[in-house]
Amino acid sequence: MAKYQIYLVRHGRTWFNRYNKMQGWSDTPLAPEGVEVAQQAAKALKDVDFAAAFSSDARRAIDTCKMIVDENINHDKLVPQKMMEFREEFYGYYEGMNSPEAWFMVGQPHGAKTFAEIIAKHGMDATKDFMKEADPFHDAENAEEYWTRVDSGFAKLDKIAKDGDKILLVSHGTTIRSITDRYNDGNFDVTVSPRNSSLTKMTRDNGKNTVTSYNQMLN
């Protein structure tokens, strides 16, 4: 397998982000300020020699990816591709709910009142397991289901990437935070969410991930 870099960019700010609502597999368009920060990210990344460009299959990620590719020096060679494997976590019953209220309902039985408090006390994977447990339909993804999906995405990238490649991947806040938590060796504070259109870099070396920077604002 190859050693390559993944440029993980969070999508621009959406209407649900603006209203602080749970936005997993549900989707809302980029808000005007979301388009603006995505365009800033595109300008900041325009000279990166991307070998390939991917996004989740959510419109907010697709649109952000297209803006970045359109500005890139390799725009005439890059064809953005969708990967459902890098969707946001699925929140089941809590999709579209007020975010602080949802996390209070999920965390309170475990002695935590906020998303950040659940992470600090129990870890990122627990936020997924607690949500599936609290979901009256149990449709939300638990940690095992989530990582099976995401890991299959990395396996697909391995079949495409070559040594030294830089790959653009536009994904989502909790997904980027989860990847950073799992592969950062404790160097980054994942109780803080990556900002919209921020950059997180990781190296994948023969199937091993290492996050090298987190939540870098591009402007």
C-alpha atoms as a PDB file:
ATOM      1  CA  MET A   1       0.000   0.000   0.000  1.00  0.00           C
ATOM      2  CA  ALA A   2       0.983   3.617  -0.516  1.00  0.00           C
ATOM      3  CA  LYS A   3       1.828   6.496   1.805  1.00  0.00           C
ATOM      4  CA  TYR A   4      -0.317   9.543   1.011  1.00  0.00           C
ATOM      5  CA  GLN A   5      -1.837  12.654   2.558  1.00  0.00           C
ATOM      6  CA  ILE A   6      -5.528  13.350   3.050  1.00  0.00           C
ATOM      7  CA  TYR A   7      -6.687  16.958   3.293  1.00  0.00           C
ATOM      8  CA  LEU A   8      -9.880  16.669   5.357  1.00  0.00           C
ATOM      9  CA  VAL A   9     -11.993  19.796   4.917  1.00  0.00           C
ATOM     10  CA  ARG A  10     -15.258  20.388   6.734  1.00  0.00           C
ATOM     11  CA  HIS A  11     -18.063  21.672   4.503  1.00  0.00           C
ATOM     12  CA  GLY A  12     -19.110  25.322   4.615  1.00  0.00           C
ATOM     13  CA  ARG A  13     -21.656  26.516   7.152  1.00  0.00           C
ATOM     14  CA  THR A  14     -25.240  25.416   6.455  1.00  0.00           C
ATOM     15  CA  TRP A  15     -28.647  26.622   7.610  1.00  0.00           C
ATOM     16  CA  PHE A  16     -28.833  23.808  10.189  1.00  0.00           C
ATOM     17  CA  ASN A  17     -25.366  24.814  11.437  1.00  0.00           C
ATOM     18  CA  ARG A  18     -26.636  28.370  11.776  1.00  0.00           C
ATOM     19  CA  TYR A  19     -29.668  27.217  13.798  1.00  0.00           C
ATOM     20  CA  ASN A  20     -27.590  24.706  15.841  1.00  0.00           C
ATOM     21  CA  LYS A  21     -29.590  21.668  14.752  1.00  0.00           C
ATOM     22  CA  MET A  22     -28.481  18.039  14.470  1.00  0.00           C
ATOM     23  CA  GLN A  23     -27.363  17.477  10.885  1.00  0.00           C
ATOM     24  CA  GLY A  24     -26.185  13.977  10.169  1.00  0.00           C
ATOM     25  CA  TRP A  25     -27.664  12.220   7.154  1.00  0.00           C
ATOM     26  CA  SER A  26     -30.194  15.026   6.858  1.00  0.00           C
ATOM     27  CA  ASP A  27     -28.958  17.899   4.720  1.00  0.00           C
ATOM     28  CA  THR A  28     -29.455  21.633   4.308  1.00  0.00           C
ATOM     29  CA  PRO A  29     -27.809  23.933   1.737  1.00  0.00           C
ATOM     30  CA  LEU A  30     -24.829  26.137   2.427  1.00  0.00           C
ATOM     31  CA  ALA A  31     -25.895  29.435   3.967  1.00  0.00           C
ATOM     32  CA  PRO A  32     -24.440  32.632   2.411  1.00  0.00           C
ATOM     33  CA  GLU A  33     -21.665  32.775   5.004  1.00  0.00           C
ATOM     34  CA  GLY A  34     -21.017  29.079   4.293  1.00  0.00           C
ATOM     35  CA  VAL A  35     -20.425  29.819   0.630  1.00  0.00           C
ATOM     36  CA  GLU A  36     -18.074  32.632   1.644  1.00  0.00           C
ATOM     37  CA  VAL A  37     -15.879  30.488   3.917  1.00  0.00           C
ATOM     38  CA  ALA A  38     -15.861  27.658   1.364  1.00  0.00           C
ATOM     39  CA  GLN A  39     -14.599  30.123  -1.244  1.00  0.00           C
ATOM     40  CA  GLN A  40     -11.898  31.276   1.189  1.00  0.00           C
ATOM     41  CA  ALA A  41     -10.841  27.644   1.657  1.00  0.00           C
ATOM     42  CA  ALA A  42     -10.765  27.198  -2.124  1.00  0.00           C
ATOM     43  CA  LYS A  43      -8.408  30.151  -2.527  1.00  0.00           C
ATOM     44  CA  ALA A  44      -6.173  28.909   0.305  1.00  0.00           C
ATOM     45  CA  LEU A  45      -5.890  25.433  -1.269  1.00  0.00           C
ATOM     46  CA  LYS A  46      -5.667  26.489  -4.922  1.00  0.00           C
ATOM     47  CA  ASP A  47      -1.965  25.661  -5.267  1.00  0.00           C
ATOM     48  CA  VAL A  48      -2.115  22.233  -3.584  1.00  0.00           C
ATOM     49  CA  ASP A  49      -1.290  19.543  -6.126  1.00  0.00           C
ATOM     50  CA  PHE A  50      -4.324  17.336  -5.501  1.00  0.00           C
ATOM     51  CA  ALA A  51      -4.272  13.962  -7.257  1.00  0.00           C
ATOM     52  CA  ALA A  52      -7.947  13.256  -6.515  1.00  0.00           C
ATOM     53  CA  ALA A  53     -10.953  14.899  -4.866  1.00  0.00           C
ATOM     54  CA  PHE A  54     -13.731  13.270  -2.878  1.00  0.00           C
ATOM     55  CA  SER A  55     -16.648  14.337  -0.725  1.00  0.00           C
ATOM     56  CA  SER A  56     -19.409  12.655   1.190  1.00  0.00           C
ATOM     57  CA  ASP A  57     -22.645  12.314  -0.759  1.00  0.00           C
ATOM     58  CA  ALA A  58     -24.354  15.136   1.170  1.00  0.00           C
ATOM     59  CA  ARG A  59     -25.068  18.253  -0.893  1.00  0.00           C
ATOM     60  CA  ARG A  60     -23.259  20.518   1.590  1.00  0.00           C
ATOM     61  CA  ALA A  61     -20.049  18.527   1.106  1.00  0.00           C
ATOM     62  CA  ILE A  62     -20.473  18.124  -2.667  1.00  0.00           C
ATOM     63  CA  ASP A  63     -20.917  21.878  -3.131  1.00  0.00           C
ATOM     64  CA  THR A  64     -17.909  22.712  -0.944  1.00  0.00           C
ATOM     65  CA  CYS A  65     -15.749  20.194  -2.794  1.00  0.00           C
ATOM     66  CA  LYS A  66     -16.736  21.616  -6.187  1.00  0.00           C
ATOM     67  CA  MET A  67     -15.766  25.144  -5.116  1.00  0.00           C
ATOM     68  CA  ILE A  68     -12.348  23.926  -3.978  1.00  0.00           C
ATOM     69  CA  VAL A  69     -11.753  21.895  -7.147  1.00  0.00           C
ATOM     70  CA  ASP A  70     -12.839  24.747  -9.430  1.00  0.00           C
ATOM     71  CA  GLU A  71     -10.096  26.980  -7.953  1.00  0.00           C
ATOM     72  CA  ASN A  72      -7.392  24.318  -7.858  1.00  0.00           C
ATOM     73  CA  ILE A  73      -4.370  24.282 -10.172  1.00  0.00           C
ATOM     74  CA  ASN A  74      -5.442  20.797 -11.265  1.00  0.00           C
ATOM     75  CA  HIS A  75      -9.084  21.718 -11.895  1.00  0.00           C
ATOM     76  CA  ASP A  76      -8.924  20.478 -15.478  1.00  0.00           C
ATOM     77  CA  LYS A  77      -7.862  16.994 -14.300  1.00  0.00           C
ATOM     78  CA  LEU A  78      -9.867  16.603 -11.081  1.00  0.00           C
ATOM     79  CA  VAL A  79     -13.328  15.044 -11.180  1.00  0.00           C
ATOM     80  CA  PRO A  80     -14.927  15.203  -7.701  1.00  0.00           C
ATOM     81  CA  GLN A  81     -16.355  11.861  -6.605  1.00  0.00           C
ATOM     82  CA  LYS A  82     -18.927  11.086  -3.923  1.00  0.00           C
ATOM     83  CA  MET A  83     -18.239   8.583  -1.134  1.00  0.00           C
ATOM     84  CA  MET A  84     -21.121   7.702   1.166  1.00  0.00           C
ATOM     85  CA  GLU A  85     -18.557   6.090   3.482  1.00  0.00           C
ATOM     86  CA  PHE A  86     -17.511   9.566   4.658  1.00  0.00           C
ATOM     87  CA  ARG A  87     -21.011  10.820   5.451  1.00  0.00           C
ATOM     88  CA  GLU A  88     -21.653  12.399   8.805  1.00  0.00           C
ATOM     89  CA  GLU A  89     -22.669  10.149  11.686  1.00  0.00           C
ATOM     90  CA  PHE A  90     -26.346   9.116  11.500  1.00  0.00           C
ATOM     91  CA  TYR A  91     -28.286  10.516  14.475  1.00  0.00           C
ATOM     92  CA  GLY A  92     -31.501   8.564  13.882  1.00  0.00           C
ATOM     93  CA  TYR A  93     -34.456   9.927  15.846  1.00  0.00           C
ATOM     94  CA  TYR A  94     -32.435  13.027  16.780  1.00  0.00           C
ATOM     95  CA  GLU A  95     -31.895  14.228  13.200  1.00  0.00           C
ATOM     96  CA  GLY A  96     -32.988  17.866  12.872  1.00  0.00           C
ATOM     97  CA  MET A  97     -33.461  18.353  16.622  1.00  0.00           C
ATOM     98  CA  ASN A  98     -32.020  21.291  18.558  1.00  0.00           C
ATOM     99  CA  SER A  99     -28.450  20.161  19.154  1.00  0.00           C
ATOM    100  CA  PRO A 100     -27.955  21.071  22.854  1.00  0.00           C
ATOM    101  CA  GLU A 101     -31.332  19.527  23.699  1.00  0.00           C
ATOM    102  CA  ALA A 102     -30.498  16.293  21.854  1.00  0.00           C
ATOM    103  CA  TRP A 103     -27.116  15.897  23.532  1.00  0.00           C
ATOM    104  CA  PHE A 104     -28.635  16.617  26.946  1.00  0.00           C
ATOM    105  CA  MET A 105     -31.153  13.807  26.399  1.00  0.00           C
ATOM    106  CA  VAL A 106     -28.416  11.441  25.217  1.00  0.00           C
ATOM    107  CA  GLY A 107     -25.830  12.314  27.876  1.00  0.00           C
ATOM    108  CA  GLN A 108     -27.907  12.958  30.995  1.00  0.00           C
ATOM    109  CA  PRO A 109     -28.397   9.247  31.861  1.00  0.00           C
ATOM    110  CA  HIS A 110     -24.602   8.960  31.847  1.00  0.00           C
ATOM    111  CA  GLY A 111     -23.884  12.020  33.995  1.00  0.00           C
ATOM    112  CA  ALA A 112     -23.101  14.427  31.150  1.00  0.00           C
ATOM    113  CA  LYS A 113     -25.148  17.392  29.929  1.00  0.00           C
ATOM    114  CA  THR A 114     -23.372  18.433  26.711  1.00  0.00           C
ATOM    115  CA  PHE A 115     -21.644  16.811  23.742  1.00  0.00           C
ATOM    116  CA  ALA A 116     -18.269  18.109  24.928  1.00  0.00           C
ATOM    117  CA  GLU A 117     -18.918  16.740  28.414  1.00  0.00           C
ATOM    118  CA  ILE A 118     -19.785  13.293  27.054  1.00  0.00           C
ATOM    119  CA  ILE A 119     -16.523  13.306  25.072  1.00  0.00           C
ATOM    120  CA  ALA A 120     -14.483  14.478  28.064  1.00  0.00           C
ATOM    121  CA  LYS A 121     -15.980  11.913  30.453  1.00  0.00           C
ATOM    122  CA  HIS A 122     -16.576   8.909  28.222  1.00  0.00           C
ATOM    123  CA  GLY A 123     -14.832   9.452  24.839  1.00  0.00           C
ATOM    124  CA  MET A 124     -15.992   9.981  21.257  1.00  0.00           C
ATOM    125  CA  ASP A 125     -17.129   6.411  20.650  1.00  0.00           C
ATOM    126  CA  ALA A 126     -19.399   6.622  23.685  1.00  0.00           C
ATOM    127  CA  THR A 127     -21.277   9.543  22.102  1.00  0.00           C
ATOM    128  CA  LYS A 128     -22.304   7.174  19.306  1.00  0.00           C
ATOM    129  CA  ASP A 129     -23.177   4.255  21.571  1.00  0.00           C
ATOM    130  CA  PHE A 130     -25.167   6.478  23.954  1.00  0.00           C
ATOM    131  CA  MET A 131     -27.097   7.989  21.037  1.00  0.00           C
ATOM    132  CA  LYS A 132     -28.139   4.622  19.637  1.00  0.00           C
ATOM    133  CA  GLU A 133     -29.140   3.556  23.146  1.00  0.00           C
ATOM    134  CA  ALA A 134     -31.249   6.720  23.643  1.00  0.00           C
ATOM    135  CA  ASP A 135     -32.848   6.602  20.177  1.00  0.00           C
ATOM    136  CA  PRO A 136     -36.330   5.078  20.674  1.00  0.00           C
ATOM    137  CA  PHE A 137     -36.002   3.466  17.220  1.00  0.00           C
ATOM    138  CA  HIS A 138     -32.313   2.508  17.739  1.00  0.00           C
ATOM    139  CA  ASP A 139     -31.652   3.701  14.182  1.00  0.00           C
ATOM    140  CA  ALA A 140     -28.708   5.955  15.106  1.00  0.00           C
ATOM    141  CA  GLU A 141     -25.259   4.533  14.333  1.00  0.00           C
ATOM    142  CA  ASN A 142     -23.287   3.119  17.220  1.00  0.00           C
ATOM    143  CA  ALA A 143     -19.479   3.167  17.187  1.00  0.00           C
ATOM    144  CA  GLU A 144     -19.117  -0.272  15.609  1.00  0.00           C
ATOM    145  CA  GLU A 145     -21.525   0.519  12.764  1.00  0.00           C
ATOM    146  CA  TYR A 146     -19.952   3.932  12.214  1.00  0.00           C
ATOM    147  CA  TRP A 147     -16.359   2.706  12.037  1.00  0.00           C
ATOM    148  CA  THR A 148     -17.232  -0.218   9.770  1.00  0.00           C
ATOM    149  CA  ARG A 149     -18.565   2.340   7.288  1.00  0.00           C
ATOM    150  CA  VAL A 150     -15.679   4.812   7.597  1.00  0.00           C
ATOM    151  CA  ASP A 151     -12.977   2.125   7.503  1.00  0.00           C
ATOM    152  CA  SER A 152     -14.459   0.782   4.263  1.00  0.00           C
ATOM    153  CA  GLY A 153     -13.971   4.293   2.838  1.00  0.00           C
ATOM    154  CA  PHE A 154     -10.282   4.300   3.730  1.00  0.00           C
ATOM    155  CA  ALA A 155      -9.937   0.874   2.108  1.00  0.00           C
ATOM    156  CA  LYS A 156     -11.403   2.329  -1.118  1.00  0.00           C
ATOM    157  CA  LEU A 157      -8.952   5.247  -1.011  1.00  0.00           C
ATOM    158  CA  ASP A 158      -6.066   2.782  -0.652  1.00  0.00           C
ATOM    159  CA  LYS A 159      -7.008   1.249  -4.000  1.00  0.00           C
ATOM    160  CA  ILE A 160      -6.806   4.649  -5.696  1.00  0.00           C
ATOM    161  CA  ALA A 161      -3.942   6.487  -3.972  1.00  0.00           C
ATOM    162  CA  LYS A 162      -0.315   6.341  -5.024  1.00  0.00           C
ATOM    163  CA  ASP A 163       2.809   7.155  -3.032  1.00  0.00           C
ATOM    164  CA  GLY A 164       3.102  10.870  -2.347  1.00  0.00           C
ATOM    165  CA  ASP A 165      -0.440  11.742  -3.421  1.00  0.00           C
ATOM    166  CA  LYS A 166      -2.389  14.561  -1.830  1.00  0.00           C
ATOM    167  CA  ILE A 167      -6.105  13.777  -1.729  1.00  0.00           C
ATOM    168  CA  LEU A 168      -8.902  16.230  -0.974  1.00  0.00           C
ATOM    169  CA  LEU A 169     -11.743  14.818   1.142  1.00  0.00           C
ATOM    170  CA  VAL A 170     -14.645  17.091   2.129  1.00  0.00           C
ATOM    171  CA  SER A 171     -16.541  15.658   5.055  1.00  0.00           C
ATOM    172  CA  HIS A 172     -18.320  16.674   8.274  1.00  0.00           C
ATOM    173  CA  GLY A 173     -17.685  18.002  11.763  1.00  0.00           C
ATOM    174  CA  THR A 174     -18.305  14.905  13.854  1.00  0.00           C
ATOM    175  CA  THR A 175     -16.662  12.636  11.290  1.00  0.00           C
ATOM    176  CA  ILE A 176     -13.505  14.757  11.209  1.00  0.00           C
ATOM    177  CA  ARG A 177     -13.564  15.003  15.001  1.00  0.00           C
ATOM    178  CA  SER A 178     -13.998  11.218  15.308  1.00  0.00           C
ATOM    179  CA  ILE A 179     -11.124  10.486  12.921  1.00  0.00           C
ATOM    180  CA  THR A 180      -8.922  12.970  14.779  1.00  0.00           C
ATOM    181  CA  ASP A 181      -9.810  11.440  18.150  1.00  0.00           C
ATOM    182  CA  ARG A 182      -8.984   7.933  16.969  1.00  0.00           C
ATOM    183  CA  TYR A 183      -5.728   8.721  15.176  1.00  0.00           C
ATOM    184  CA  ASN A 184      -4.158  11.784  16.839  1.00  0.00           C
ATOM    185  CA  ASP A 185      -2.311  10.162  19.765  1.00  0.00           C
ATOM    186  CA  GLY A 186      -3.871  12.741  22.113  1.00  0.00           C
ATOM    187  CA  ASN A 187      -2.312  15.810  20.497  1.00  0.00           C
ATOM    188  CA  PHE A 188      -5.553  17.648  19.648  1.00  0.00           C
ATOM    189  CA  ASP A 189      -8.538  18.710  21.753  1.00  0.00           C
ATOM    190  CA  VAL A 190     -11.567  17.079  20.139  1.00  0.00           C
ATOM    191  CA  THR A 191     -13.962  18.596  22.676  1.00  0.00           C
ATOM    192  CA  VAL A 192     -13.642  21.559  20.267  1.00  0.00           C
ATOM    193  CA  SER A 193     -15.454  21.053  16.960  1.00  0.00           C
ATOM    194  CA  PRO A 194     -13.645  21.669  13.670  1.00  0.00           C
ATOM    195  CA  ARG A 195     -14.930  24.914  12.200  1.00  0.00           C
ATOM    196  CA  ASN A 196     -16.741  25.082   8.884  1.00  0.00           C
ATOM    197  CA  SER A 197     -14.272  24.965   5.958  1.00  0.00           C
ATOM    198  CA  SER A 198     -11.368  24.248   8.317  1.00  0.00           C
ATOM    199  CA  LEU A 199      -8.549  21.893   7.327  1.00  0.00           C
ATOM    200  CA  THR A 200      -7.440  18.757   9.150  1.00  0.00           C
ATOM    201  CA  LYS A 201      -4.475  16.883   7.658  1.00  0.00           C
ATOM    202  CA  MET A 202      -3.713  13.223   8.013  1.00  0.00           C
ATOM    203  CA  THR A 203      -1.143  10.825   6.629  1.00  0.00           C
ATOM    204  CA  ARG A 204      -2.137   7.297   5.667  1.00  0.00           C
ATOM    205  CA  ASP A 205       0.910   5.050   5.530  1.00  0.00           C
ATOM    206  CA  ASN A 206       0.346   1.428   4.545  1.00  0.00           C
ATOM    207  CA  GLY A 207      -3.097   1.474   6.108  1.00  0.00           C
ATOM    208  CA  LYS A 208      -2.132   3.367   9.264  1.00  0.00           C
ATOM    209  CA  ASN A 209      -3.664   6.806   9.897  1.00  0.00           C
ATOM    210  CA  THR A 210      -1.951   9.674  11.706  1.00  0.00           C
ATOM    211  CA  VAL A 211      -3.619  13.069  12.075  1.00  0.00           C
ATOM    212  CA  THR A 212      -0.925  15.741  11.817  1.00  0.00           C
ATOM    213  CA  SER A 213      -2.995  18.945  12.131  1.00  0.00           C
ATOM    214  CA  TYR A 214      -6.537  19.728  13.251  1.00  0.00           C
ATOM    215  CA  ASN A 215      -9.051  22.505  12.705  1.00  0.00           C
ATOM    216  CA  GLN A 216      -6.751  24.849  10.763  1.00  0.00           C
ATOM    217  CA  MET A 217      -8.773  27.811   9.476  1.00  0.00           C
ATOM    218  CA  LEU A 218      -8.278  28.562   5.790  1.00  0.00           C
ATOM    219  CA  ASN A 219      -8.486  32.262   4.914  1.00  0.00           C
END
